[in-house]
PDB file of N, CA and C in Angstrom:
ATOM      1  N   MET A   1       7.044  17.268  40.485  1.00  0.00           N
ATOM      2  CA  MET A   1       7.492  15.916  40.718  1.00  0.00           C
ATOM      3  C   MET A   1       7.750  15.249  39.372  1.00  0.00           C
ATOM      4  N   ARG A   2       8.893  14.671  39.191  1.00  0.00           N
ATOM      5  CA  ARG A   2       9.292  14.043  37.922  1.00  0.00           C
ATOM      6  C   ARG A   2       8.981  12.555  37.982  1.00  0.00           C
ATOM      7  N   ASN A   3       8.446  12.028  36.887  1.00  0.00           N
ATOM      8  CA  ASN A   3       8.166  10.593  36.875  1.00  0.00           C
ATOM      9  C   ASN A   3       9.418   9.817  36.480  1.00  0.00           C
ATOM     10  N   ASN A   4       9.335   8.505  36.560  1.00  0.00           N
ATOM     11  CA  ASN A   4      10.483   7.632  36.267  1.00  0.00           C
ATOM     12  C   ASN A   4      10.435   7.056  34.864  1.00  0.00           C
ATOM     13  N   PHE A   5       9.630   7.605  33.994  1.00  0.00           N
ATOM     14  CA  PHE A   5       9.455   7.024  32.662  1.00  0.00           C
ATOM     15  C   PHE A   5       9.925   7.965  31.565  1.00  0.00           C
ATOM     16  N   GLY A   6      11.019   8.634  31.791  1.00  0.00           N
ATOM     17  CA  GLY A   6      11.623   9.463  30.762  1.00  0.00           C
ATOM     18  C   GLY A   6      10.762  10.619  30.306  1.00  0.00           C
ATOM     19  N   GLY A   7       9.867  11.085  31.142  1.00  0.00           N
ATOM     20  CA  GLY A   7       9.080  12.248  30.789  1.00  0.00           C
ATOM     21  C   GLY A   7       7.812  11.938  30.003  1.00  0.00           C
ATOM     22  N   PHE A   8       7.416  10.646  29.920  1.00  0.00           N
ATOM     23  CA  PHE A   8       6.160  10.336  29.241  1.00  0.00           C
ATOM     24  C   PHE A   8       5.019  11.000  29.995  1.00  0.00           C
ATOM     25  N   PRO A   9       4.068  11.586  29.285  1.00  0.00           N
ATOM     26  CA  PRO A   9       2.955  12.263  29.952  1.00  0.00           C
ATOM     27  C   PRO A   9       2.208  11.295  30.864  1.00  0.00           C
ATOM     28  N   GLY A  10       1.961  11.702  32.063  1.00  0.00           N
ATOM     29  CA  GLY A  10       1.194  10.890  32.994  1.00  0.00           C
ATOM     30  C   GLY A  10       2.059   9.935  33.784  1.00  0.00           C
ATOM     31  N   GLY A  11       3.086   9.391  33.180  1.00  0.00           N
ATOM     32  CA  GLY A  11       3.990   8.497  33.877  1.00  0.00           C
ATOM     33  C   GLY A  11       3.361   7.191  34.306  1.00  0.00           C
ATOM     34  N   ASN A  12       2.200   6.856  33.834  1.00  0.00           N
ATOM     35  CA  ASN A  12       1.508   5.641  34.228  1.00  0.00           C
ATOM     36  C   ASN A  12       1.830   4.536  33.233  1.00  0.00           C
ATOM     37  N   MET A  13       2.550   3.511  33.700  1.00  0.00           N
ATOM     38  CA  MET A  13       2.980   2.430  32.806  1.00  0.00           C
ATOM     39  C   MET A  13       1.785   1.678  32.217  1.00  0.00           C
ATOM     40  N   GLN A  14       0.737   1.482  32.978  1.00  0.00           N
ATOM     41  CA  GLN A  14      -0.443   0.786  32.446  1.00  0.00           C
ATOM     42  C   GLN A  14      -1.093   1.596  31.333  1.00  0.00           C
ATOM     43  N   GLN A  15      -1.165   2.883  31.532  1.00  0.00           N
ATOM     44  CA  GLN A  15      -1.737   3.749  30.498  1.00  0.00           C
ATOM     45  C   GLN A  15      -0.875   3.705  29.241  1.00  0.00           C
ATOM     46  N   LEU A  16       0.427   3.738  29.413  1.00  0.00           N
ATOM     47  CA  LEU A  16       1.353   3.659  28.289  1.00  0.00           C
ATOM     48  C   LEU A  16       1.188   2.331  27.540  1.00  0.00           C
ATOM     49  N   MET A  17       1.042   1.247  28.279  1.00  0.00           N
ATOM     50  CA  MET A  17       0.841  -0.074  27.653  1.00  0.00           C
ATOM     51  C   MET A  17      -0.486  -0.115  26.891  1.00  0.00           C
ATOM     52  N   ARG A  18      -1.539   0.458  27.466  1.00  0.00           N
ATOM     53  CA  ARG A  18      -2.833   0.496  26.773  1.00  0.00           C
ATOM     54  C   ARG A  18      -2.722   1.287  25.475  1.00  0.00           C
ATOM     55  N   GLN A  19      -2.006   2.407  25.518  1.00  0.00           N
ATOM     56  CA  GLN A  19      -1.826   3.215  24.313  1.00  0.00           C
ATOM     57  C   GLN A  19      -1.041   2.444  23.254  1.00  0.00           C
ATOM     58  N   ALA A  20      -0.018   1.720  23.688  1.00  0.00           N
ATOM     59  CA  ALA A  20       0.782   0.922  22.745  1.00  0.00           C
ATOM     60  C   ALA A  20      -0.062  -0.189  22.136  1.00  0.00           C
ATOM     61  N   GLN A  21      -0.897  -0.846  22.948  1.00  0.00           N
ATOM     62  CA  GLN A  21      -1.767  -1.904  22.437  1.00  0.00           C
ATOM     63  C   GLN A  21      -2.794  -1.341  21.461  1.00  0.00           C
ATOM     64  N   LYS A  22      -3.337  -0.173  21.784  1.00  0.00           N
ATOM     65  CA  LYS A  22      -4.306   0.461  20.899  1.00  0.00           C
ATOM     66  C   LYS A  22      -3.650   0.814  19.568  1.00  0.00           C
ATOM     67  N   MET A  23      -2.435   1.348  19.633  1.00  0.00           N
ATOM     68  CA  MET A  23      -1.720   1.699  18.408  1.00  0.00           C
ATOM     69  C   MET A  23      -1.434   0.445  17.579  1.00  0.00           C
ATOM     70  N   GLN A  24      -1.030  -0.625  18.234  1.00  0.00           N
ATOM     71  CA  GLN A  24      -0.764  -1.878  17.522  1.00  0.00           C
ATOM     72  C   GLN A  24      -2.033  -2.386  16.850  1.00  0.00           C
ATOM     73  N   GLN A  25      -3.167  -2.303  17.530  1.00  0.00           N
ATOM     74  CA  GLN A  25      -4.434  -2.722  16.950  1.00  0.00           C
ATOM     75  C   GLN A  25      -4.796  -1.863  15.734  1.00  0.00           C
ATOM     76  N   GLN A  26      -4.583  -0.561  15.845  1.00  0.00           N
ATOM     77  CA  GLN A  26      -4.874   0.334  14.726  1.00  0.00           C
ATOM     78  C   GLN A  26      -3.972   0.024  13.533  1.00  0.00           C
ATOM     79  N   LEU A  27      -2.704  -0.250  13.798  1.00  0.00           N
ATOM     80  CA  LEU A  27      -1.784  -0.603  12.709  1.00  0.00           C
ATOM     81  C   LEU A  27      -2.201  -1.901  12.039  1.00  0.00           C
ATOM     82  N   THR A  28      -2.599  -2.883  12.834  1.00  0.00           N
ATOM     83  CA  THR A  28      -3.051  -4.164  12.284  1.00  0.00           C
ATOM     84  C   THR A  28      -4.297  -3.970  11.426  1.00  0.00           C
ATOM     85  N   GLU A  29      -5.246  -3.179  11.915  1.00  0.00           N
ATOM     86  CA  GLU A  29      -6.463  -2.916  11.155  1.00  0.00           C
ATOM     87  C   GLU A  29      -6.157  -2.179   9.857  1.00  0.00           C
ATOM     88  N   ALA A  30      -5.248  -1.224   9.917  1.00  0.00           N
ATOM     89  CA  ALA A  30      -4.867  -0.480   8.710  1.00  0.00           C
ATOM     90  C   ALA A  30      -4.211  -1.419   7.701  1.00  0.00           C
ATOM     91  N   GLN A  31      -3.339  -2.303   8.181  1.00  0.00           N
ATOM     92  CA  GLN A  31      -2.665  -3.255   7.305  1.00  0.00           C
ATOM     93  C   GLN A  31      -3.685  -4.168   6.621  1.00  0.00           C
ATOM     94  N   GLU A  32      -4.654  -4.646   7.379  1.00  0.00           N
ATOM     95  CA  GLU A  32      -5.692  -5.511   6.811  1.00  0.00           C
ATOM     96  C   GLU A  32      -6.522  -4.760   5.772  1.00  0.00           C
ATOM     97  N   ALA A  33      -6.851  -3.520   6.059  1.00  0.00           N
ATOM     98  CA  ALA A  33      -7.627  -2.713   5.108  1.00  0.00           C
ATOM     99  C   ALA A  33      -6.821  -2.471   3.833  1.00  0.00           C
ATOM    100  N   LEU A  34      -5.539  -2.190   3.979  1.00  0.00           N
ATOM    101  CA  LEU A  34      -4.693  -1.971   2.800  1.00  0.00           C
ATOM    102  C   LEU A  34      -4.554  -3.251   1.983  1.00  0.00           C
ATOM    103  N   ASP A  35      -4.423  -4.387   2.644  1.00  0.00           N
ATOM    104  CA  ASP A  35      -4.322  -5.668   1.936  1.00  0.00           C
ATOM    105  C   ASP A  35      -5.595  -5.971   1.148  1.00  0.00           C
ATOM    106  N   ALA A  36      -6.737  -5.515   1.656  1.00  0.00           N
ATOM    107  CA  ALA A  36      -8.021  -5.792   1.007  1.00  0.00           C
ATOM    108  C   ALA A  36      -8.307  -4.866  -0.180  1.00  0.00           C
ATOM    109  N   ARG A  37      -7.583  -3.760  -0.280  1.00  0.00           N
ATOM    110  CA  ARG A  37      -7.833  -2.800  -1.365  1.00  0.00           C
ATOM    111  C   ARG A  37      -7.397  -3.358  -2.707  1.00  0.00           C
ATOM    112  N   GLU A  38      -7.959  -2.768  -3.756  1.00  0.00           N
ATOM    113  CA  GLU A  38      -7.587  -3.107  -5.120  1.00  0.00           C
ATOM    114  C   GLU A  38      -7.194  -1.837  -5.856  1.00  0.00           C
ATOM    115  N   TYR A  39      -6.211  -1.968  -6.732  1.00  0.00           N
ATOM    116  CA  TYR A  39      -5.698  -0.834  -7.497  1.00  0.00           C
ATOM    117  C   TYR A  39      -5.725  -1.204  -8.969  1.00  0.00           C
ATOM    118  N   GLU A  40      -6.162  -0.273  -9.782  1.00  0.00           N
ATOM    119  CA  GLU A  40      -6.278  -0.524 -11.217  1.00  0.00           C
ATOM    120  C   GLU A  40      -5.446   0.502 -11.975  1.00  0.00           C
ATOM    121  N   ALA A  41      -4.828   0.032 -13.055  1.00  0.00           N
ATOM    122  CA  ALA A  41      -4.060   0.936 -13.915  1.00  0.00           C
ATOM    123  C   ALA A  41      -4.154   0.417 -15.339  1.00  0.00           C
ATOM    124  N   SER A  42      -3.892   1.319 -16.283  1.00  0.00           N
ATOM    125  CA  SER A  42      -3.924   0.919 -17.689  1.00  0.00           C
ATOM    126  C   SER A  42      -2.766   1.567 -18.419  1.00  0.00           C
ATOM    127  N   SER A  43      -2.513   1.057 -19.607  1.00  0.00           N
ATOM    128  CA  SER A  43      -1.476   1.625 -20.459  1.00  0.00           C
ATOM    129  C   SER A  43      -1.957   1.568 -21.899  1.00  0.00           C
ATOM    130  N   GLY A  44      -1.248   2.279 -22.752  1.00  0.00           N
ATOM    131  CA  GLY A  44      -1.618   2.291 -24.163  1.00  0.00           C
ATOM    132  C   GLY A  44      -2.996   2.860 -24.400  1.00  0.00           C
ATOM    133  N   GLY A  45      -3.342   3.900 -23.624  1.00  0.00           N
ATOM    134  CA  GLY A  45      -4.656   4.513 -23.797  1.00  0.00           C
ATOM    135  C   GLY A  45      -5.801   3.569 -23.464  1.00  0.00           C
ATOM    136  N   GLY A  46      -5.574   2.662 -22.524  1.00  0.00           N
ATOM    137  CA  GLY A  46      -6.613   1.712 -22.117  1.00  0.00           C
ATOM    138  C   GLY A  46      -6.544   0.385 -22.861  1.00  0.00           C
ATOM    139  N   ALA A  47      -5.517   0.211 -23.682  1.00  0.00           N
ATOM    140  CA  ALA A  47      -5.387  -1.051 -24.428  1.00  0.00           C
ATOM    141  C   ALA A  47      -5.144  -2.220 -23.494  1.00  0.00           C
ATOM    142  N   VAL A  48      -4.406  -1.969 -22.416  1.00  0.00           N
ATOM    143  CA  VAL A  48      -4.137  -2.991 -21.410  1.00  0.00           C
ATOM    144  C   VAL A  48      -4.528  -2.418 -20.057  1.00  0.00           C
ATOM    145  N   THR A  49      -5.350  -3.161 -19.331  1.00  0.00           N
ATOM    146  CA  THR A  49      -5.781  -2.752 -18.005  1.00  0.00           C
ATOM    147  C   THR A  49      -5.548  -3.904 -17.047  1.00  0.00           C
ATOM    148  N   CYS A  50      -5.067  -3.563 -15.851  1.00  0.00           N
ATOM    149  CA  CYS A  50      -4.870  -4.612 -14.857  1.00  0.00           C
ATOM    150  C   CYS A  50      -5.375  -4.129 -13.511  1.00  0.00           C
ATOM    151  N   LYS A  51      -5.610  -5.091 -12.649  1.00  0.00           N
ATOM    152  CA  LYS A  51      -6.020  -4.816 -11.280  1.00  0.00           C
ATOM    153  C   LYS A  51      -5.130  -5.659 -10.382  1.00  0.00           C
ATOM    154  N   VAL A  52      -4.575  -5.020  -9.331  1.00  0.00           N
ATOM    155  CA  VAL A  52      -3.756  -5.727  -8.356  1.00  0.00           C
ATOM    156  C   VAL A  52      -4.348  -5.526  -6.968  1.00  0.00           C
ATOM    157  N   SER A  53      -4.018  -6.435  -6.080  1.00  0.00           N
ATOM    158  CA  SER A  53      -4.502  -6.332  -4.705  1.00  0.00           C
ATOM    159  C   SER A  53      -3.482  -5.595  -3.858  1.00  0.00           C
ATOM    160  N   GLY A  54      -3.911  -5.193  -2.674  1.00  0.00           N
ATOM    161  CA  GLY A  54      -3.005  -4.584  -1.720  1.00  0.00           C
ATOM    162  C   GLY A  54      -1.931  -5.551  -1.257  1.00  0.00           C
ATOM    163  N   LYS A  55      -2.150  -6.832  -1.502  1.00  0.00           N
ATOM    164  CA  LYS A  55      -1.147  -7.848  -1.173  1.00  0.00           C
ATOM    165  C   LYS A  55      -0.148  -8.024  -2.308  1.00  0.00           C
ATOM    166  N   ARG A  56      -0.250  -7.143  -3.301  1.00  0.00           N
ATOM    167  CA  ARG A  56       0.667  -7.124  -4.444  1.00  0.00           C
ATOM    168  C   ARG A  56       0.520  -8.363  -5.331  1.00  0.00           C
ATOM    169  N   GLU A  57      -0.728  -8.771  -5.525  1.00  0.00           N
ATOM    170  CA  GLU A  57      -1.042  -9.894  -6.413  1.00  0.00           C
ATOM    171  C   GLU A  57      -1.846  -9.386  -7.600  1.00  0.00           C
ATOM    172  N   LEU A  58      -1.530  -9.894  -8.776  1.00  0.00           N
ATOM    173  CA  LEU A  58      -2.278  -9.544  -9.979  1.00  0.00           C
ATOM    174  C   LEU A  58      -3.631 -10.245  -9.919  1.00  0.00           C
ATOM    175  N   LEU A  59      -4.709  -9.462  -9.958  1.00  0.00           N
ATOM    176  CA  LEU A  59      -6.057 -10.018  -9.860  1.00  0.00           C
ATOM    177  C   LEU A  59      -6.708 -10.200 -11.223  1.00  0.00           C
ATOM    178  N   SER A  60      -6.463  -9.252 -12.117  1.00  0.00           N
ATOM    179  CA  SER A  60      -7.051  -9.364 -13.448  1.00  0.00           C
ATOM    180  C   SER A  60      -6.191  -8.625 -14.457  1.00  0.00           C
ATOM    181  N   LEU A  61      -6.304  -9.054 -15.690  1.00  0.00           N
ATOM    182  CA  LEU A  61      -5.574  -8.442 -16.789  1.00  0.00           C
ATOM    183  C   LEU A  61      -6.493  -8.467 -18.003  1.00  0.00           C
ATOM    184  N   THR A  62      -6.756  -7.283 -18.564  1.00  0.00           N
ATOM    185  CA  THR A  62      -7.620  -7.167 -19.737  1.00  0.00           C
ATOM    186  C   THR A  62      -6.810  -6.583 -20.883  1.00  0.00           C
ATOM    187  N   ILE A  63      -6.869  -7.251 -22.027  1.00  0.00           N
ATOM    188  CA  ILE A  63      -6.154  -6.795 -23.217  1.00  0.00           C
ATOM    189  C   ILE A  63      -7.171  -6.634 -24.338  1.00  0.00           C
ATOM    190  N   LYS A  64      -7.256  -5.440 -24.884  1.00  0.00           N
ATOM    191  CA  LYS A  64      -8.168  -5.226 -26.009  1.00  0.00           C
ATOM    192  C   LYS A  64      -7.654  -5.991 -27.227  1.00  0.00           C
ATOM    193  N   PRO A  65      -8.541  -6.675 -27.937  1.00  0.00           N
ATOM    194  CA  PRO A  65      -8.121  -7.500 -29.072  1.00  0.00           C
ATOM    195  C   PRO A  65      -7.337  -6.730 -30.140  1.00  0.00           C
ATOM    196  N   GLU A  66      -7.667  -5.462 -30.340  1.00  0.00           N
ATOM    197  CA  GLU A  66      -7.003  -4.709 -31.400  1.00  0.00           C
ATOM    198  C   GLU A  66      -5.522  -4.437 -31.112  1.00  0.00           C
ATOM    199  N   VAL A  67      -5.091  -4.611 -29.864  1.00  0.00           N
ATOM    200  CA  VAL A  67      -3.685  -4.375 -29.541  1.00  0.00           C
ATOM    201  C   VAL A  67      -2.836  -5.641 -29.741  1.00  0.00           C
ATOM    202  N   VAL A  68      -3.497  -6.761 -29.941  1.00  0.00           N
ATOM    203  CA  VAL A  68      -2.777  -8.021 -30.128  1.00  0.00           C
ATOM    204  C   VAL A  68      -2.304  -8.116 -31.578  1.00  0.00           C
ATOM    205  N   ASP A  69      -1.003  -7.975 -31.753  1.00  0.00           N
ATOM    206  CA  ASP A  69      -0.380  -8.053 -33.069  1.00  0.00           C
ATOM    207  C   ASP A  69       0.721  -9.106 -32.996  1.00  0.00           C
ATOM    208  N   PRO A  70       0.520 -10.249 -33.640  1.00  0.00           N
ATOM    209  CA  PRO A  70       1.525 -11.314 -33.552  1.00  0.00           C
ATOM    210  C   PRO A  70       2.901 -10.882 -34.052  1.00  0.00           C
ATOM    211  N   ASP A  71       2.941  -9.845 -34.866  1.00  0.00           N
ATOM    212  CA  ASP A  71       4.226  -9.359 -35.376  1.00  0.00           C
ATOM    213  C   ASP A  71       4.895  -8.361 -34.425  1.00  0.00           C
ATOM    214  N   ASP A  72       4.195  -7.965 -33.342  1.00  0.00           N
ATOM    215  CA  ASP A  72       4.768  -7.005 -32.402  1.00  0.00           C
ATOM    216  C   ASP A  72       4.433  -7.416 -30.961  1.00  0.00           C
ATOM    217  N   VAL A  73       4.873  -8.588 -30.594  1.00  0.00           N
ATOM    218  CA  VAL A  73       4.629  -9.107 -29.253  1.00  0.00           C
ATOM    219  C   VAL A  73       5.334  -8.237 -28.203  1.00  0.00           C
ATOM    220  N   GLU A  74       6.464  -7.684 -28.541  1.00  0.00           N
ATOM    221  CA  GLU A  74       7.209  -6.853 -27.595  1.00  0.00           C
ATOM    222  C   GLU A  74       6.395  -5.644 -27.136  1.00  0.00           C
ATOM    223  N   MET A  75       5.647  -5.027 -28.039  1.00  0.00           N
ATOM    224  CA  MET A  75       4.825  -3.887 -27.652  1.00  0.00           C
ATOM    225  C   MET A  75       3.784  -4.320 -26.619  1.00  0.00           C
ATOM    226  N   LEU A  76       3.158  -5.464 -26.848  1.00  0.00           N
ATOM    227  CA  LEU A  76       2.150  -5.964 -25.916  1.00  0.00           C
ATOM    228  C   LEU A  76       2.786  -6.260 -24.556  1.00  0.00           C
ATOM    229  N   GLN A  77       3.948  -6.850 -24.559  1.00  0.00           N
ATOM    230  CA  GLN A  77       4.643  -7.126 -23.301  1.00  0.00           C
ATOM    231  C   GLN A  77       4.945  -5.831 -22.558  1.00  0.00           C
ATOM    232  N   ASP A  78       5.401  -4.827 -23.278  1.00  0.00           N
ATOM    233  CA  ASP A  78       5.692  -3.528 -22.665  1.00  0.00           C
ATOM    234  C   ASP A  78       4.441  -2.895 -22.070  1.00  0.00           C
ATOM    235  N   LEU A  79       3.331  -2.977 -22.781  1.00  0.00           N
ATOM    236  CA  LEU A  79       2.078  -2.416 -22.276  1.00  0.00           C
ATOM    237  C   LEU A  79       1.631  -3.130 -21.005  1.00  0.00           C
ATOM    238  N   ILE A  80       1.779  -4.441 -20.974  1.00  0.00           N
ATOM    239  CA  ILE A  80       1.391  -5.217 -19.788  1.00  0.00           C
ATOM    240  C   ILE A  80       2.272  -4.830 -18.605  1.00  0.00           C
ATOM    241  N   MET A  81       3.573  -4.795 -18.827  1.00  0.00           N
ATOM    242  CA  MET A  81       4.479  -4.430 -17.735  1.00  0.00           C
ATOM    243  C   MET A  81       4.196  -3.019 -17.226  1.00  0.00           C
ATOM    244  N   ALA A  82       3.926  -2.092 -18.132  1.00  0.00           N
ATOM    245  CA  ALA A  82       3.654  -0.713 -17.727  1.00  0.00           C
ATOM    246  C   ALA A  82       2.395  -0.637 -16.860  1.00  0.00           C
ATOM    247  N   ALA A  83       1.341  -1.325 -17.262  1.00  0.00           N
ATOM    248  CA  ALA A  83       0.092  -1.289 -16.503  1.00  0.00           C
ATOM    249  C   ALA A  83       0.261  -1.933 -15.132  1.00  0.00           C
ATOM    250  N   VAL A  84       0.879  -3.102 -15.078  1.00  0.00           N
ATOM    251  CA  VAL A  84       1.064  -3.802 -13.804  1.00  0.00           C
ATOM    252  C   VAL A  84       1.956  -2.989 -12.868  1.00  0.00           C
ATOM    253  N   ASN A  85       3.050  -2.480 -13.384  1.00  0.00           N
ATOM    254  CA  ASN A  85       3.956  -1.699 -12.541  1.00  0.00           C
ATOM    255  C   ASN A  85       3.299  -0.435 -12.011  1.00  0.00           C
ATOM    256  N   GLU A  86       2.480   0.217 -12.810  1.00  0.00           N
ATOM    257  CA  GLU A  86       1.787   1.424 -12.348  1.00  0.00           C
ATOM    258  C   GLU A  86       0.789   1.090 -11.247  1.00  0.00           C
ATOM    259  N   ALA A  87       0.051   0.009 -11.403  1.00  0.00           N
ATOM    260  CA  ALA A  87      -0.901  -0.401 -10.367  1.00  0.00           C
ATOM    261  C   ALA A  87      -0.175  -0.736  -9.067  1.00  0.00           C
ATOM    262  N   LEU A  88       0.949  -1.433  -9.167  1.00  0.00           N
ATOM    263  CA  LEU A  88       1.732  -1.776  -7.975  1.00  0.00           C
ATOM    264  C   LEU A  88       2.300  -0.521  -7.314  1.00  0.00           C
ATOM    265  N   ARG A  89       2.775   0.427  -8.102  1.00  0.00           N
ATOM    266  CA  ARG A  89       3.299   1.683  -7.539  1.00  0.00           C
ATOM    267  C   ARG A  89       2.200   2.450  -6.804  1.00  0.00           C
ATOM    268  N   THR A  90       1.023   2.482  -7.385  1.00  0.00           N
ATOM    269  CA  THR A  90      -0.099   3.178  -6.750  1.00  0.00           C
ATOM    270  C   THR A  90      -0.431   2.533  -5.410  1.00  0.00           C
ATOM    271  N   GLY A  91      -0.479   1.218  -5.388  1.00  0.00           N
ATOM    272  CA  GLY A  91      -0.755   0.511  -4.138  1.00  0.00           C
ATOM    273  C   GLY A  91       0.309   0.765  -3.092  1.00  0.00           C
ATOM    274  N   GLU A  92       1.556   0.734  -3.487  1.00  0.00           N
ATOM    275  CA  GLU A  92       2.661   0.949  -2.547  1.00  0.00           C
ATOM    276  C   GLU A  92       2.657   2.378  -2.011  1.00  0.00           C
ATOM    277  N   LYS A  93       2.371   3.331  -2.871  1.00  0.00           N
ATOM    278  CA  LYS A  93       2.307   4.727  -2.429  1.00  0.00           C
ATOM    279  C   LYS A  93       1.192   4.918  -1.402  1.00  0.00           C
ATOM    280  N   THR A  94       0.040   4.323  -1.668  1.00  0.00           N
ATOM    281  CA  THR A  94      -1.082   4.411  -0.737  1.00  0.00           C
ATOM    282  C   THR A  94      -0.712   3.779   0.594  1.00  0.00           C
ATOM    283  N   ARG A  95      -0.056   2.619   0.552  1.00  0.00           N
ATOM    284  CA  ARG A  95       0.365   1.915   1.762  1.00  0.00           C
ATOM    285  C   ARG A  95       1.332   2.793   2.579  1.00  0.00           C
ATOM    286  N   GLU A  96       2.325   3.357   1.924  1.00  0.00           N
ATOM    287  CA  GLU A  96       3.311   4.188   2.619  1.00  0.00           C
ATOM    288  C   GLU A  96       2.663   5.417   3.237  1.00  0.00           C
ATOM    289  N   GLU A  97       1.766   6.073   2.490  1.00  0.00           N
ATOM    290  CA  GLU A  97       1.103   7.274   3.004  1.00  0.00           C
ATOM    291  C   GLU A  97       0.230   6.945   4.210  1.00  0.00           C
ATOM    292  N   THR A  98      -0.504   5.845   4.128  1.00  0.00           N
ATOM    293  CA  THR A  98      -1.391   5.453   5.219  1.00  0.00           C
ATOM    294  C   THR A  98      -0.598   5.110   6.471  1.00  0.00           C
ATOM    295  N   MET A  99       0.436   4.312   6.320  1.00  0.00           N
ATOM    296  CA  MET A  99       1.206   3.881   7.481  1.00  0.00           C
ATOM    297  C   MET A  99       1.996   5.044   8.092  1.00  0.00           C
ATOM    298  N   SER A 100       2.497   5.961   7.274  1.00  0.00           N
ATOM    299  CA  SER A 100       3.261   7.079   7.832  1.00  0.00           C
ATOM    300  C   SER A 100       2.354   8.041   8.598  1.00  0.00           C
ATOM    301  N   ARG A 101       1.090   8.149   8.192  1.00  0.00           N
ATOM    302  CA  ARG A 101       0.139   8.996   8.937  1.00  0.00           C
ATOM    303  C   ARG A 101      -0.122   8.423  10.323  1.00  0.00           C
ATOM    304  N   MET A 102      -0.008   7.119  10.457  1.00  0.00           N
ATOM    305  CA  MET A 102      -0.323   6.469  11.731  1.00  0.00           C
ATOM    306  C   MET A 102       0.881   6.431  12.674  1.00  0.00           C
ATOM    307  N   ALA A 103       2.072   6.665  12.167  1.00  0.00           N
ATOM    308  CA  ALA A 103       3.279   6.572  12.987  1.00  0.00           C
ATOM    309  C   ALA A 103       3.380   7.770  13.917  1.00  0.00           C
ATOM    310  N   PRO A 104       3.883   7.515  15.115  1.00  0.00           N
ATOM    311  CA  PRO A 104       4.116   8.649  16.005  1.00  0.00           C
ATOM    312  C   PRO A 104       5.178   9.575  15.401  1.00  0.00           C
ATOM    313  N   GLY A 105       5.205  10.819  15.813  1.00  0.00           N
ATOM    314  CA  GLY A 105       6.128  11.801  15.256  1.00  0.00           C
ATOM    315  C   GLY A 105       7.551  11.297  15.125  1.00  0.00           C
ATOM    316  N   GLY A 106       8.098  11.449  13.924  1.00  0.00           N
ATOM    317  CA  GLY A 106       9.476  11.091  13.683  1.00  0.00           C
ATOM    318  C   GLY A 106       9.716   9.622  13.390  1.00  0.00           C
ATOM    319  N   MET A 107       8.667   8.775  13.374  1.00  0.00           N
ATOM    320  CA  MET A 107       8.872   7.342  13.158  1.00  0.00           C
ATOM    321  C   MET A 107       8.358   6.901  11.802  1.00  0.00           C
ATOM    322  N   GLY A 108       7.928   7.830  10.961  1.00  0.00           N
ATOM    323  CA  GLY A 108       7.352   7.464   9.669  1.00  0.00           C
ATOM    324  C   GLY A 108       8.232   6.580   8.841  1.00  0.00           C
ATOM    325  N   GLY A 109       9.534   6.764   8.870  1.00  0.00           N
ATOM    326  CA  GLY A 109      10.450   5.959   8.074  1.00  0.00           C
ATOM    327  C   GLY A 109      10.638   4.561   8.593  1.00  0.00           C
ATOM    328  N   LEU A 110      10.158   4.261   9.797  1.00  0.00           N
ATOM    329  CA  LEU A 110      10.340   2.930  10.372  1.00  0.00           C
ATOM    330  C   LEU A 110       9.289   1.950   9.914  1.00  0.00           C
ATOM    331  N   LEU A 111       8.199   2.402   9.323  1.00  0.00           N
ATOM    332  CA  LEU A 111       7.114   1.507   8.930  1.00  0.00           C
ATOM    333  C   LEU A 111       7.161   1.165   7.483  1.00  0.00           C
TER     334      LEU A 111
END
């Protein structure tokens, strides 16, 4: 006997809705957990260290005094950008990996 729901296992619409609600809850919980995480990166051999949140906000920035050279501000700017960008990339990679693991087969690119 064939069901009327395109071949979904069980064919029970209530069961399908419960599964969809459960999946939505899991996605929401995963999103909240990812937003709460913190990612740290450094550049210049630890001369500049930063921490960003899963919400992509800069939380802290540490600069070792010996790297501060008033005659070479550009180097310091480059070190800061490198550290912040690396921390943001790490957070984004973690977010993508986590969300794609939770997606049903073939839907990883939709999240």
